[in-house]
Amino acid sequence: MITLNILPSILVPLVGLVFPAVAMVSLFFHVQKNKIF
């Protein structure tokens, strides 16, 4: 199956970009909600 071979090459950059972005956004909203700064 071709999709099974191409899936990691798509999934790895996607996770590498999306996961830090989601972590940054959630941390940003967490800080905004608590008004630490």
N, C-alpha and C. Protein backbone atom coordinates (compact mmCIF):
# COMPACT_ATOMS: atom_id res chain seq x y z
N MET A 1 0.84 -1.19 0.00
CA MET A 1 0.00 0.00 0.00
C MET A 1 0.88 1.25 0.00
N ILE A 2 0.53 2.16 -0.88
CA ILE A 2 1.35 3.37 -1.03
C ILE A 2 1.11 4.33 0.14
N THR A 3 -0.14 4.42 0.57
CA THR A 3 -0.48 5.36 1.64
C THR A 3 0.24 5.01 2.93
N LEU A 4 0.47 3.72 3.16
CA LEU A 4 1.14 3.29 4.38
C LEU A 4 2.61 3.72 4.37
N ASN A 5 3.20 3.77 3.17
CA ASN A 5 4.60 4.17 3.07
C ASN A 5 4.76 5.68 3.15
N ILE A 6 3.76 6.42 2.65
CA ILE A 6 3.88 7.88 2.60
C ILE A 6 3.36 8.54 3.87
N LEU A 7 2.65 7.78 4.68
CA LEU A 7 2.05 8.33 5.89
C LEU A 7 3.09 8.86 6.89
N PRO A 8 4.16 8.13 7.21
CA PRO A 8 5.14 8.67 8.17
C PRO A 8 5.79 9.96 7.69
N SER A 9 6.06 10.09 6.39
CA SER A 9 6.71 11.28 5.87
C SER A 9 5.80 12.50 5.97
N ILE A 10 4.50 12.27 6.07
CA ILE A 10 3.56 13.37 6.25
C ILE A 10 3.30 13.60 7.74
N LEU A 11 3.21 12.51 8.47
CA LEU A 11 2.81 12.58 9.88
C LEU A 11 3.91 13.20 10.74
N VAL A 12 5.16 12.89 10.45
CA VAL A 12 6.26 13.39 11.28
C VAL A 12 6.39 14.91 11.22
N PRO A 13 6.42 15.54 10.04
CA PRO A 13 6.48 17.01 10.02
C PRO A 13 5.21 17.64 10.58
N LEU A 14 4.08 16.98 10.36
CA LEU A 14 2.81 17.52 10.85
C LEU A 14 2.81 17.56 12.38
N VAL A 15 3.23 16.45 13.00
CA VAL A 15 3.29 16.40 14.47
C VAL A 15 4.37 17.36 14.98
N GLY A 16 5.49 17.43 14.26
CA GLY A 16 6.60 18.30 14.67
C GLY A 16 6.23 19.77 14.61
N LEU A 17 5.28 20.13 13.76
CA LEU A 17 4.87 21.53 13.64
C LEU A 17 3.61 21.83 14.43
N VAL A 18 2.65 20.91 14.37
CA VAL A 18 1.35 21.17 14.98
C VAL A 18 1.41 21.05 16.49
N PHE A 19 2.10 20.04 16.99
CA PHE A 19 2.14 19.82 18.44
C PHE A 19 2.78 20.99 19.21
N PRO A 20 3.94 21.52 18.76
CA PRO A 20 4.49 22.71 19.45
C PRO A 20 3.57 23.92 19.33
N ALA A 21 2.90 24.06 18.18
CA ALA A 21 1.99 25.20 17.99
C ALA A 21 0.81 25.11 18.96
N VAL A 22 0.25 23.92 19.11
CA VAL A 22 -0.87 23.72 20.03
C VAL A 22 -0.40 23.95 21.47
N ALA A 23 0.80 23.49 21.79
CA ALA A 23 1.33 23.68 23.14
C ALA A 23 1.55 25.16 23.42
N MET A 24 2.07 25.90 22.44
CA MET A 24 2.28 27.34 22.60
C MET A 24 0.97 28.07 22.81
N VAL A 25 -0.03 27.72 21.99
CA VAL A 25 -1.33 28.41 22.07
C VAL A 25 -2.01 28.11 23.40
N SER A 26 -1.97 26.86 23.82
CA SER A 26 -2.63 26.49 25.08
C SER A 26 -1.91 27.15 26.26
N LEU A 27 -0.59 27.23 26.19
CA LEU A 27 0.17 27.90 27.25
C LEU A 27 -0.14 29.39 27.26
N PHE A 28 -0.28 29.97 26.07
CA PHE A 28 -0.59 31.40 25.96
C PHE A 28 -1.95 31.70 26.58
N PHE A 29 -2.95 30.88 26.25
CA PHE A 29 -4.29 31.10 26.81
C PHE A 29 -4.30 30.84 28.32
N HIS A 30 -3.49 29.88 28.76
CA HIS A 30 -3.40 29.59 30.19
C HIS A 30 -2.83 30.79 30.95
N VAL A 31 -1.81 31.41 30.36
CA VAL A 31 -1.20 32.59 30.98
C VAL A 31 -2.16 33.77 30.94
N GLN A 32 -2.87 33.93 29.83
CA GLN A 32 -3.83 35.04 29.72
C GLN A 32 -4.96 34.88 30.73
N LYS A 33 -5.39 33.64 30.95
CA LYS A 33 -6.50 33.39 31.87
C LYS A 33 -6.09 33.68 33.31
N ASN A 34 -4.86 33.30 33.65
CA ASN A 34 -4.41 33.48 35.03
C ASN A 34 -3.79 34.85 35.27
N LYS A 35 -3.47 35.57 34.19
CA LYS A 35 -2.88 36.91 34.28
C LYS A 35 -1.62 36.88 35.15
N ILE A 36 -0.68 36.03 34.78
CA ILE A 36 0.57 35.92 35.53
C ILE A 36 1.44 37.15 35.25
N PHE A 37 1.50 37.52 33.98
CA PHE A 37 2.34 38.66 33.60
C PHE A 37 1.54 39.94 33.62
